[in-house]
Amino acid sequence: MEIIRVNTPRGLELKGAMWGNNTMDTVVIMMSGICSNVFQNDLLPAAGELLSSNNIAFIAGHAMDAFSMIAYSDFSTGKQRYTGVVYDDFSLVYEDVEAYVKYAKELGFKNIVLAGHSLGSNKIINYLGNTADDFVDYFIVSSPVDLAYWWKVMPNVSLCLETAKKFVEDGRGKEILPFLFGGFSPMCAETVLGFYNAYNLKNCPVISHDGETSSLYSIKISGSFVIGGKDSMAAGDPKGFMNQINACCKNPEANQVVVVPEASHIFYGKHKEYAAVMLECIKTHWCPLGV
C-alpha cells in the first residue's frame, strides 16, 4: 500500500491510498464512507490486496478530513480504537470524486472502475449522474444510504442538530460537538449541518421519498449494486432496497444486484467475501481488455 496525494481544483490535497500501480491496465477507485479510512476500515485493504494480487490496481479515495481521528478505548475489546471525520464539506463531493478519477486518468490507466461504500456510494452516484466526461467504464455501488431515512433512524439526531445550530449561532461552527455524532463520530458543528442539508447526496430516496433519482437515471454506464444481507440501513429488506435503487436507472437490466449473505452495512467480518464479490463483478460481469 502506498499513500497518495490527490489535488483538488480548490487547492486542497486529499490523501488516499493505492495498491498496485499504473503498469496494470485497470484500476478500481473506491470512495470510502463517512468516518472511514484504510487504517480503521478493513474493507478497504481487503479489497486492495485481493484486487492488486489479480492485476487490478486499487485506490481508496478518502474524504477531505479522513485522518483527523480521535482515539478512545473500546471496552468490549480492551483495545484502543480511532474514529472520526471532524471536518468535511459535502457541497464539494463532486469535485473530490472527480479529482480521484482524473488522478487515475493522468496515471495512464486504460480502464477505470468507480466504486463506493456507504456514503461513498452516494458520492459516486452524484458524480456519475452529473459528469459530462466518459472516463469511468463501470461502477460498483455498495451499501448506499437513503440519507433522509438515515437521519430518522440515527441515534441522538435531534440533539446533534440543536447543538450544531447553537454552536454556529454562537460563532463556534468549527468546534467539535461534545458527544459523538450519530453515536459513532466526533464532528464539528458546521460539518453536521452540512451533512444534514446535503441534497446532492439524497440520491437514493427509495425509502423516505425525500430526494432525487435523476442522478441514478442519468448514469450512462452499467454496473453492480452490492449490499449485505443484514444491512441495517435498508428498512429490513436489503435486496428490495437495492432493486428499487437499480430500478431508478435508465437501463436496470444492464446492471446486477448482489447480496452478500449475513453481512452488515459495513461488512464487518465479511471483508474478504466482499472483496471476492468485487473481483467477481469485474471479471464476470464487466471484462475489459487485459483483465
C-alpha atoms as a PDB file:
ATOM      1  CA  MET A   1       0.000   0.000   0.000  1.00  0.00           C
ATOM      2  CA  GLU A   2       1.199   3.486  -0.878  1.00  0.00           C
ATOM      3  CA  ILE A   3      -0.246   6.749   0.435  1.00  0.00           C
ATOM      4  CA  ILE A   4      -1.107   9.010  -2.490  1.00  0.00           C
ATOM      5  CA  ARG A   5      -1.854  12.726  -2.654  1.00  0.00           C
ATOM      6  CA  VAL A   6      -4.577  13.977  -4.952  1.00  0.00           C
ATOM      7  CA  ASN A   7      -5.038  17.674  -5.672  1.00  0.00           C
ATOM      8  CA  THR A   8      -8.475  19.261  -5.997  1.00  0.00           C
ATOM      9  CA  PRO A   9      -9.305  22.397  -8.045  1.00  0.00           C
ATOM     10  CA  ARG A  10      -9.745  24.372  -4.812  1.00  0.00           C
ATOM     11  CA  GLY A  11      -6.130  23.610  -3.875  1.00  0.00           C
ATOM     12  CA  LEU A  12      -6.845  21.069  -1.142  1.00  0.00           C
ATOM     13  CA  GLU A  13      -4.729  17.922  -1.133  1.00  0.00           C
ATOM     14  CA  LEU A  14      -6.664  14.713  -0.479  1.00  0.00           C
ATOM     15  CA  LYS A  15      -4.744  11.774   0.960  1.00  0.00           C
ATOM     16  CA  GLY A  16      -5.724   8.411  -0.463  1.00  0.00           C
ATOM     17  CA  ALA A  17      -4.043   5.023  -0.725  1.00  0.00           C
ATOM     18  CA  MET A  18      -3.146   2.759  -3.638  1.00  0.00           C
ATOM     19  CA  TRP A  19      -2.420  -0.929  -4.081  1.00  0.00           C
ATOM     20  CA  GLY A  20      -0.755  -1.982  -7.326  1.00  0.00           C
ATOM     21  CA  ASN A  21       0.491   0.546  -9.863  1.00  0.00           C
ATOM     22  CA  ASN A  22      -0.109   2.049 -13.291  1.00  0.00           C
ATOM     23  CA  THR A  23       1.584  -0.829 -15.112  1.00  0.00           C
ATOM     24  CA  MET A  24      -1.770  -2.544 -14.612  1.00  0.00           C
ATOM     25  CA  ASP A  25      -4.437  -1.748 -17.201  1.00  0.00           C
ATOM     26  CA  THR A  26      -7.369  -1.422 -14.792  1.00  0.00           C
ATOM     27  CA  VAL A  27      -7.885   0.499 -11.560  1.00  0.00           C
ATOM     28  CA  VAL A  28     -10.760   0.457  -9.102  1.00  0.00           C
ATOM     29  CA  ILE A  29     -11.304   3.750  -7.266  1.00  0.00           C
ATOM     30  CA  MET A  30     -13.357   3.275  -4.123  1.00  0.00           C
ATOM     31  CA  MET A  31     -14.740   6.312  -2.331  1.00  0.00           C
ATOM     32  CA  SER A  32     -14.964   5.463   1.351  1.00  0.00           C
ATOM     33  CA  GLY A  33     -17.920   6.200   3.596  1.00  0.00           C
ATOM     34  CA  ILE A  34     -18.059   8.796   6.322  1.00  0.00           C
ATOM     35  CA  CYS A  35     -15.672   8.174   9.226  1.00  0.00           C
ATOM     36  CA  SER A  36     -13.651   5.712   7.157  1.00  0.00           C
ATOM     37  CA  ASN A  37     -10.061   5.290   6.045  1.00  0.00           C
ATOM     38  CA  VAL A  38      -7.615   2.473   5.282  1.00  0.00           C
ATOM     39  CA  PHE A  39      -6.313   2.316   8.856  1.00  0.00           C
ATOM     40  CA  GLN A  40      -9.647   1.680  10.564  1.00  0.00           C
ATOM     41  CA  ASN A  41     -11.851   0.159   7.873  1.00  0.00           C
ATOM     42  CA  ASP A  42     -10.637  -3.332   6.984  1.00  0.00           C
ATOM     43  CA  LEU A  43     -12.924  -3.377   3.949  1.00  0.00           C
ATOM     44  CA  LEU A  44     -10.529  -1.114   2.035  1.00  0.00           C
ATOM     45  CA  PRO A  45      -7.254  -3.045   2.480  1.00  0.00           C
ATOM     46  CA  ALA A  46      -9.082  -6.359   1.938  1.00  0.00           C
ATOM     47  CA  ALA A  47     -10.275  -5.120  -1.454  1.00  0.00           C
ATOM     48  CA  GLY A  48      -6.910  -3.573  -2.285  1.00  0.00           C
ATOM     49  CA  GLU A  49      -4.940  -6.697  -1.502  1.00  0.00           C
ATOM     50  CA  LEU A  50      -7.190  -9.092  -3.422  1.00  0.00           C
ATOM     51  CA  LEU A  51      -7.605  -6.901  -6.492  1.00  0.00           C
ATOM     52  CA  SER A  52      -3.921  -5.983  -6.791  1.00  0.00           C
ATOM     53  CA  SER A  53      -2.986  -9.680  -6.488  1.00  0.00           C
ATOM     54  CA  ASN A  54      -5.246 -10.194  -9.520  1.00  0.00           C
ATOM     55  CA  ASN A  55      -3.532  -7.487 -11.591  1.00  0.00           C
ATOM     56  CA  ILE A  56      -6.129  -4.788 -10.835  1.00  0.00           C
ATOM     57  CA  ALA A  57      -4.903  -1.647  -9.082  1.00  0.00           C
ATOM     58  CA  PHE A  58      -6.995  -0.249  -6.242  1.00  0.00           C
ATOM     59  CA  ILE A  59      -7.280   3.315  -4.957  1.00  0.00           C
ATOM     60  CA  ALA A  60      -9.020   4.131  -1.681  1.00  0.00           C
ATOM     61  CA  GLY A  61     -10.472   7.612  -2.088  1.00  0.00           C
ATOM     62  CA  HIS A  62     -10.694   9.431   1.238  1.00  0.00           C
ATOM     63  CA  ALA A  63     -12.704  12.496   2.190  1.00  0.00           C
ATOM     64  CA  MET A  64     -11.024  15.820   2.890  1.00  0.00           C
ATOM     65  CA  ASP A  65     -10.590  15.078   6.581  1.00  0.00           C
ATOM     66  CA  ALA A  66     -10.493  11.284   6.764  1.00  0.00           C
ATOM     67  CA  PHE A  67      -7.423  11.196   9.005  1.00  0.00           C
ATOM     68  CA  SER A  68      -8.278  13.631  11.826  1.00  0.00           C
ATOM     69  CA  MET A  69      -9.388  10.866  14.168  1.00  0.00           C
ATOM     70  CA  ILE A  70      -9.812  10.771  17.921  1.00  0.00           C
ATOM     71  CA  ALA A  71      -8.514   7.858  19.970  1.00  0.00           C
ATOM     72  CA  TYR A  72     -10.694   6.101  22.525  1.00  0.00           C
ATOM     73  CA  SER A  73     -10.740   2.850  24.495  1.00  0.00           C
ATOM     74  CA  ASP A  74     -13.118   0.156  23.276  1.00  0.00           C
ATOM     75  CA  PHE A  75     -14.009  -1.670  26.481  1.00  0.00           C
ATOM     76  CA  SER A  76     -15.663  -4.509  24.553  1.00  0.00           C
ATOM     77  CA  THR A  77     -12.288  -5.495  23.096  1.00  0.00           C
ATOM     78  CA  GLY A  78      -9.885  -3.901  25.556  1.00  0.00           C
ATOM     79  CA  LYS A  79      -8.103  -2.151  22.694  1.00  0.00           C
ATOM     80  CA  GLN A  80      -7.531   1.421  21.597  1.00  0.00           C
ATOM     81  CA  ARG A  81      -9.617   2.475  18.589  1.00  0.00           C
ATOM     82  CA  TYR A  82      -9.830   5.524  16.374  1.00  0.00           C
ATOM     83  CA  THR A  83     -12.840   7.224  14.867  1.00  0.00           C
ATOM     84  CA  GLY A  84     -13.955  10.485  13.346  1.00  0.00           C
ATOM     85  CA  VAL A  85     -14.173  12.812  10.403  1.00  0.00           C
ATOM     86  CA  VAL A  86     -14.281  16.156  12.139  1.00  0.00           C
ATOM     87  CA  TYR A  87     -14.373  18.459   9.130  1.00  0.00           C
ATOM     88  CA  ASP A  88     -15.884  17.873   5.693  1.00  0.00           C
ATOM     89  CA  ASP A  89     -17.682  19.927   3.051  1.00  0.00           C
ATOM     90  CA  PHE A  90     -20.396  17.837   1.413  1.00  0.00           C
ATOM     91  CA  SER A  91     -21.142  20.529  -1.151  1.00  0.00           C
ATOM     92  CA  LEU A  92     -17.774  19.671  -2.753  1.00  0.00           C
ATOM     93  CA  VAL A  93     -18.397  15.946  -3.145  1.00  0.00           C
ATOM     94  CA  TYR A  94     -18.427  16.064  -6.955  1.00  0.00           C
ATOM     95  CA  GLU A  95     -15.102  17.872  -7.022  1.00  0.00           C
ATOM     96  CA  ASP A  96     -13.478  15.341  -4.692  1.00  0.00           C
ATOM     97  CA  VAL A  97     -14.632  12.301  -6.690  1.00  0.00           C
ATOM     98  CA  GLU A  98     -13.622  13.959  -9.948  1.00  0.00           C
ATOM     99  CA  ALA A  99     -10.152  14.625  -8.527  1.00  0.00           C
ATOM    100  CA  TYR A 100      -9.559  10.906  -7.918  1.00  0.00           C
ATOM    101  CA  VAL A 101     -10.907   9.957 -11.355  1.00  0.00           C
ATOM    102  CA  LYS A 102      -8.665  12.481 -13.095  1.00  0.00           C
ATOM    103  CA  TYR A 103      -5.698  11.357 -10.967  1.00  0.00           C
ATOM    104  CA  ALA A 104      -6.183   7.792 -12.249  1.00  0.00           C
ATOM    105  CA  LYS A 105      -6.620   9.053 -15.797  1.00  0.00           C
ATOM    106  CA  GLU A 106      -3.387  11.042 -15.585  1.00  0.00           C
ATOM    107  CA  LEU A 107      -1.544   7.937 -14.344  1.00  0.00           C
ATOM    108  CA  GLY A 108      -2.476   6.305 -17.630  1.00  0.00           C
ATOM    109  CA  PHE A 109      -4.883   3.556 -16.550  1.00  0.00           C
ATOM    110  CA  LYS A 110      -6.796   2.220 -19.571  1.00  0.00           C
ATOM    111  CA  ASN A 111      -9.885   1.187 -17.603  1.00  0.00           C
ATOM    112  CA  ILE A 112     -11.422   2.892 -14.575  1.00  0.00           C
ATOM    113  CA  VAL A 113     -13.991   1.278 -12.286  1.00  0.00           C
ATOM    114  CA  LEU A 114     -15.578   3.723  -9.840  1.00  0.00           C
ATOM    115  CA  ALA A 115     -16.810   2.183  -6.608  1.00  0.00           C
ATOM    116  CA  GLY A 116     -18.197   3.447  -3.342  1.00  0.00           C
ATOM    117  CA  HIS A 117     -19.175   2.176   0.073  1.00  0.00           C
ATOM    118  CA  SER A 118     -21.968   3.602   2.236  1.00  0.00           C
ATOM    119  CA  LEU A 119     -21.999   7.402   1.809  1.00  0.00           C
ATOM    120  CA  GLY A 120     -19.148   6.935  -0.673  1.00  0.00           C
ATOM    121  CA  SER A 121     -21.703   5.252  -2.944  1.00  0.00           C
ATOM    122  CA  ASN A 122     -23.948   8.305  -2.809  1.00  0.00           C
ATOM    123  CA  LYS A 123     -20.900  10.367  -3.724  1.00  0.00           C
ATOM    124  CA  ILE A 124     -20.125   8.358  -6.850  1.00  0.00           C
ATOM    125  CA  ILE A 125     -23.802   8.377  -7.897  1.00  0.00           C
ATOM    126  CA  ASN A 126     -23.680  12.177  -7.683  1.00  0.00           C
ATOM    127  CA  TYR A 127     -20.561  12.226  -9.863  1.00  0.00           C
ATOM    128  CA  LEU A 128     -21.685   9.638 -12.433  1.00  0.00           C
ATOM    129  CA  GLY A 129     -25.116  11.205 -12.827  1.00  0.00           C
ATOM    130  CA  ASN A 130     -23.747  14.683 -13.442  1.00  0.00           C
ATOM    131  CA  THR A 131     -20.432  14.338 -15.265  1.00  0.00           C
ATOM    132  CA  ALA A 132     -20.011  15.122 -18.934  1.00  0.00           C
ATOM    133  CA  ASP A 133     -16.794  13.077 -19.034  1.00  0.00           C
ATOM    134  CA  ASP A 134     -16.589   9.442 -20.098  1.00  0.00           C
ATOM    135  CA  PHE A 135     -13.557   8.476 -18.020  1.00  0.00           C
ATOM    136  CA  VAL A 136     -15.313   5.750 -15.991  1.00  0.00           C
ATOM    137  CA  ASP A 137     -16.108   2.393 -17.598  1.00  0.00           C
ATOM    138  CA  TYR A 138     -18.034   0.558 -14.852  1.00  0.00           C
ATOM    139  CA  PHE A 139     -19.400   1.235 -11.349  1.00  0.00           C
ATOM    140  CA  ILE A 140     -19.818  -0.745  -8.138  1.00  0.00           C
ATOM    141  CA  VAL A 141     -22.245   0.823  -5.676  1.00  0.00           C
ATOM    142  CA  SER A 142     -22.077  -0.817  -2.230  1.00  0.00           C
ATOM    143  CA  SER A 143     -24.417  -0.195   0.718  1.00  0.00           C
ATOM    144  CA  PRO A 144     -25.673   3.253  -0.353  1.00  0.00           C
ATOM    145  CA  VAL A 145     -27.887   5.167   2.061  1.00  0.00           C
ATOM    146  CA  ASP A 146     -31.245   6.846   1.815  1.00  0.00           C
ATOM    147  CA  LEU A 147     -29.941   9.922   3.604  1.00  0.00           C
ATOM    148  CA  ALA A 148     -33.303  11.214   4.866  1.00  0.00           C
ATOM    149  CA  TYR A 149     -34.121   7.758   6.238  1.00  0.00           C
ATOM    150  CA  TRP A 150     -30.692   7.556   7.873  1.00  0.00           C
ATOM    151  CA  TRP A 151     -31.355  10.768   9.763  1.00  0.00           C
ATOM    152  CA  LYS A 152     -34.626   9.318  11.071  1.00  0.00           C
ATOM    153  CA  VAL A 153     -33.083   6.124  12.481  1.00  0.00           C
ATOM    154  CA  MET A 154     -29.745   7.524  13.627  1.00  0.00           C
ATOM    155  CA  PRO A 155     -29.385   7.986  17.418  1.00  0.00           C
ATOM    156  CA  ASN A 156     -29.260  11.468  19.013  1.00  0.00           C
ATOM    157  CA  VAL A 157     -30.153  13.229  15.754  1.00  0.00           C
ATOM    158  CA  SER A 158     -32.247  15.961  17.386  1.00  0.00           C
ATOM    159  CA  LEU A 159     -29.558  16.688  19.946  1.00  0.00           C
ATOM    160  CA  CYS A 160     -26.918  16.796  17.181  1.00  0.00           C
ATOM    161  CA  LEU A 161     -28.857  19.315  15.126  1.00  0.00           C
ATOM    162  CA  GLU A 162     -29.909  21.518  18.041  1.00  0.00           C
ATOM    163  CA  THR A 163     -26.367  21.671  19.426  1.00  0.00           C
ATOM    164  CA  ALA A 164     -24.805  22.265  15.997  1.00  0.00           C
ATOM    165  CA  LYS A 165     -27.208  25.134  15.252  1.00  0.00           C
ATOM    166  CA  LYS A 166     -26.486  26.724  18.631  1.00  0.00           C
ATOM    167  CA  PHE A 167     -22.722  26.408  18.100  1.00  0.00           C
ATOM    168  CA  VAL A 168     -22.941  28.091  14.681  1.00  0.00           C
ATOM    169  CA  GLU A 169     -25.149  30.881  16.025  1.00  0.00           C
ATOM    170  CA  ASP A 170     -22.549  31.498  18.740  1.00  0.00           C
ATOM    171  CA  GLY A 171     -19.714  31.653  16.216  1.00  0.00           C
ATOM    172  CA  ARG A 172     -18.393  28.227  17.232  1.00  0.00           C
ATOM    173  CA  GLY A 173     -19.045  26.405  13.956  1.00  0.00           C
ATOM    174  CA  LYS A 174     -15.561  24.861  13.811  1.00  0.00           C
ATOM    175  CA  GLU A 175     -15.850  23.383  17.308  1.00  0.00           C
ATOM    176  CA  ILE A 176     -16.495  19.670  17.817  1.00  0.00           C
ATOM    177  CA  LEU A 177     -19.793  18.668  19.382  1.00  0.00           C
ATOM    178  CA  PRO A 178     -19.440  17.446  22.976  1.00  0.00           C
ATOM    179  CA  PHE A 179     -20.726  13.972  22.024  1.00  0.00           C
ATOM    180  CA  LEU A 180     -20.285  11.557  19.145  1.00  0.00           C
ATOM    181  CA  PHE A 181     -22.348  12.442  16.088  1.00  0.00           C
ATOM    182  CA  GLY A 182     -24.812   9.612  15.485  1.00  0.00           C
ATOM    183  CA  GLY A 183     -23.098   7.674  18.242  1.00  0.00           C
ATOM    184  CA  PHE A 184     -20.019   6.951  16.125  1.00  0.00           C
ATOM    185  CA  SER A 185     -18.050  10.062  15.131  1.00  0.00           C
ATOM    186  CA  PRO A 186     -16.756  13.322  16.583  1.00  0.00           C
ATOM    187  CA  MET A 187     -17.791  16.094  14.212  1.00  0.00           C
ATOM    188  CA  CYS A 188     -17.734  19.868  14.185  1.00  0.00           C
ATOM    189  CA  ALA A 189     -20.982  21.843  14.108  1.00  0.00           C
ATOM    190  CA  GLU A 190     -20.624  23.106  10.530  1.00  0.00           C
ATOM    191  CA  THR A 191     -20.000  19.598   9.213  1.00  0.00           C
ATOM    192  CA  VAL A 192     -23.104  18.262  10.981  1.00  0.00           C
ATOM    193  CA  LEU A 193     -25.346  20.902   9.411  1.00  0.00           C
ATOM    194  CA  GLY A 194     -23.706  20.483   6.013  1.00  0.00           C
ATOM    195  CA  PHE A 195     -24.309  16.744   6.193  1.00  0.00           C
ATOM    196  CA  TYR A 196     -27.945  17.203   7.162  1.00  0.00           C
ATOM    197  CA  ASN A 197     -28.544  19.610   4.278  1.00  0.00           C
ATOM    198  CA  ALA A 198     -26.571  17.676   1.629  1.00  0.00           C
ATOM    199  CA  TYR A 199     -29.295  17.404  -1.003  1.00  0.00           C
ATOM    200  CA  ASN A 200     -26.674  16.299  -3.555  1.00  0.00           C
ATOM    201  CA  LEU A 201     -26.326  13.066  -1.561  1.00  0.00           C
ATOM    202  CA  LYS A 202     -30.056  12.415  -1.285  1.00  0.00           C
ATOM    203  CA  ASN A 203     -29.938  10.362  -4.476  1.00  0.00           C
ATOM    204  CA  CYS A 204     -31.240   7.006  -3.182  1.00  0.00           C
ATOM    205  CA  PRO A 205     -34.578   8.119  -1.635  1.00  0.00           C
ATOM    206  CA  VAL A 206     -36.467   4.861  -2.174  1.00  0.00           C
ATOM    207  CA  ILE A 207     -37.495   4.552   1.493  1.00  0.00           C
ATOM    208  CA  SER A 208     -38.037   8.172   2.551  1.00  0.00           C
ATOM    209  CA  HIS A 209     -39.060   9.553  -0.868  1.00  0.00           C
ATOM    210  CA  ASP A 210     -37.116  12.661   0.156  1.00  0.00           C
ATOM    211  CA  GLY A 211     -34.554  13.431  -2.540  1.00  0.00           C
ATOM    212  CA  GLU A 212     -33.934  12.961  -6.249  1.00  0.00           C
ATOM    213  CA  THR A 213     -33.428   9.958  -8.546  1.00  0.00           C
ATOM    214  CA  SER A 214     -32.407  11.890 -11.663  1.00  0.00           C
ATOM    215  CA  SER A 215     -28.732  11.220 -10.893  1.00  0.00           C
ATOM    216  CA  LEU A 216     -29.327   7.458 -10.982  1.00  0.00           C
ATOM    217  CA  TYR A 217     -31.305   7.771 -14.214  1.00  0.00           C
ATOM    218  CA  SER A 218     -28.549   9.862 -15.810  1.00  0.00           C
ATOM    219  CA  ILE A 219     -25.766   7.319 -15.245  1.00  0.00           C
ATOM    220  CA  LYS A 220     -24.587   6.295 -18.717  1.00  0.00           C
ATOM    221  CA  ILE A 221     -22.638   3.123 -17.872  1.00  0.00           C
ATOM    222  CA  SER A 222     -23.591  -0.241 -16.405  1.00  0.00           C
ATOM    223  CA  GLY A 223     -22.530  -1.570 -13.049  1.00  0.00           C
ATOM    224  CA  SER A 224     -23.205  -3.638  -9.947  1.00  0.00           C
ATOM    225  CA  PHE A 225     -25.141  -2.899  -6.757  1.00  0.00           C
ATOM    226  CA  VAL A 226     -23.800  -4.783  -3.716  1.00  0.00           C
ATOM    227  CA  ILE A 227     -25.326  -4.969  -0.244  1.00  0.00           C
ATOM    228  CA  GLY A 228     -25.081  -7.070   2.893  1.00  0.00           C
ATOM    229  CA  GLY A 229     -27.965  -9.396   3.684  1.00  0.00           C
ATOM    230  CA  LYS A 230     -28.240  -7.824   7.142  1.00  0.00           C
ATOM    231  CA  ASP A 231     -27.726  -4.167   6.203  1.00  0.00           C
ATOM    232  CA  SER A 232     -29.393  -2.170   8.983  1.00  0.00           C
ATOM    233  CA  MET A 233     -29.909   0.875   6.759  1.00  0.00           C
ATOM    234  CA  ALA A 234     -32.243  -0.856   4.296  1.00  0.00           C
ATOM    235  CA  ALA A 235     -35.504  -0.838   6.314  1.00  0.00           C
ATOM    236  CA  GLY A 236     -35.445  -4.598   6.767  1.00  0.00           C
ATOM    237  CA  ASP A 237     -35.218  -5.523   3.060  1.00  0.00           C
ATOM    238  CA  PRO A 238     -31.658  -5.116   1.731  1.00  0.00           C
ATOM    239  CA  LYS A 239     -32.247  -6.824  -1.622  1.00  0.00           C
ATOM    240  CA  GLY A 240     -35.519  -4.972  -2.185  1.00  0.00           C
ATOM    241  CA  PHE A 241     -33.790  -1.704  -1.282  1.00  0.00           C
ATOM    242  CA  MET A 242     -31.125  -2.278  -3.926  1.00  0.00           C
ATOM    243  CA  ASN A 243     -33.629  -3.479  -6.509  1.00  0.00           C
ATOM    244  CA  GLN A 244     -35.575  -0.239  -6.069  1.00  0.00           C
ATOM    245  CA  ILE A 245     -32.416   1.823  -6.479  1.00  0.00           C
ATOM    246  CA  ASN A 246     -31.465  -0.106  -9.617  1.00  0.00           C
ATOM    247  CA  ALA A 247     -34.995   0.386 -10.974  1.00  0.00           C
ATOM    248  CA  CYS A 248     -34.346   4.138 -10.963  1.00  0.00           C
ATOM    249  CA  CYS A 249     -31.556   3.677 -13.524  1.00  0.00           C
ATOM    250  CA  LYS A 250     -32.213   4.183 -17.211  1.00  0.00           C
ATOM    251  CA  ASN A 251     -31.285   0.587 -18.116  1.00  0.00           C
ATOM    252  CA  PRO A 252     -31.651  -1.501 -14.927  1.00  0.00           C
ATOM    253  CA  GLU A 253     -31.476  -4.747 -16.905  1.00  0.00           C
ATOM    254  CA  ALA A 254     -27.848  -3.938 -17.750  1.00  0.00           C
ATOM    255  CA  ASN A 255     -26.902  -3.925 -14.052  1.00  0.00           C
ATOM    256  CA  GLN A 256     -26.853  -6.609 -11.382  1.00  0.00           C
ATOM    257  CA  VAL A 257     -27.780  -6.711  -7.705  1.00  0.00           C
ATOM    258  CA  VAL A 258     -25.591  -8.859  -5.434  1.00  0.00           C
ATOM    259  CA  VAL A 259     -26.368  -9.699  -1.800  1.00  0.00           C
ATOM    260  CA  VAL A 260     -23.530 -10.827   0.483  1.00  0.00           C
ATOM    261  CA  PRO A 261     -25.205 -13.274   2.930  1.00  0.00           C
ATOM    262  CA  GLU A 262     -25.128 -12.416   6.642  1.00  0.00           C
ATOM    263  CA  ALA A 263     -23.138  -9.227   6.009  1.00  0.00           C
ATOM    264  CA  SER A 264     -23.873  -5.936   7.790  1.00  0.00           C
ATOM    265  CA  HIS A 265     -23.820  -2.404   6.410  1.00  0.00           C
ATOM    266  CA  ILE A 266     -20.052  -2.217   6.926  1.00  0.00           C
ATOM    267  CA  PHE A 267     -19.476  -5.902   6.020  1.00  0.00           C
ATOM    268  CA  TYR A 268     -17.949  -6.492   9.468  1.00  0.00           C
ATOM    269  CA  GLY A 269     -16.272  -9.915   9.495  1.00  0.00           C
ATOM    270  CA  LYS A 270     -17.124 -10.316   5.790  1.00  0.00           C
ATOM    271  CA  HIS A 271     -14.488  -8.080   4.229  1.00  0.00           C
ATOM    272  CA  LYS A 272     -12.809 -10.877   2.269  1.00  0.00           C
ATOM    273  CA  GLU A 273     -16.177 -12.058   0.998  1.00  0.00           C
ATOM    274  CA  TYR A 274     -16.961  -8.525  -0.132  1.00  0.00           C
ATOM    275  CA  ALA A 275     -13.598  -8.218  -1.900  1.00  0.00           C
ATOM    276  CA  ALA A 276     -14.272 -11.517  -3.713  1.00  0.00           C
ATOM    277  CA  VAL A 277     -17.654 -10.189  -4.879  1.00  0.00           C
ATOM    278  CA  MET A 278     -15.991  -7.035  -6.180  1.00  0.00           C
ATOM    279  CA  LEU A 279     -13.480  -9.124  -8.144  1.00  0.00           C
ATOM    280  CA  GLU A 280     -16.290 -11.309  -9.499  1.00  0.00           C
ATOM    281  CA  CYS A 281     -18.261  -8.242 -10.608  1.00  0.00           C
ATOM    282  CA  ILE A 282     -15.286  -7.022 -12.607  1.00  0.00           C
ATOM    283  CA  LYS A 283     -14.191 -10.329 -14.116  1.00  0.00           C
ATOM    284  CA  THR A 284     -17.574 -11.856 -14.867  1.00  0.00           C
ATOM    285  CA  HIS A 285     -19.999  -9.007 -15.430  1.00  0.00           C
ATOM    286  CA  TRP A 286     -17.564  -6.488 -16.888  1.00  0.00           C
ATOM    287  CA  CYS A 287     -14.429  -7.821 -18.513  1.00  0.00           C
ATOM    288  CA  PRO A 288     -12.193  -5.106 -20.010  1.00  0.00           C
ATOM    289  CA  LEU A 289      -9.093  -5.706 -22.049  1.00  0.00           C
ATOM    290  CA  GLY A 290      -6.245  -7.105 -20.005  1.00  0.00           C
ATOM    291  CA  VAL A 291      -8.308  -8.399 -17.059  1.00  0.00           C
END
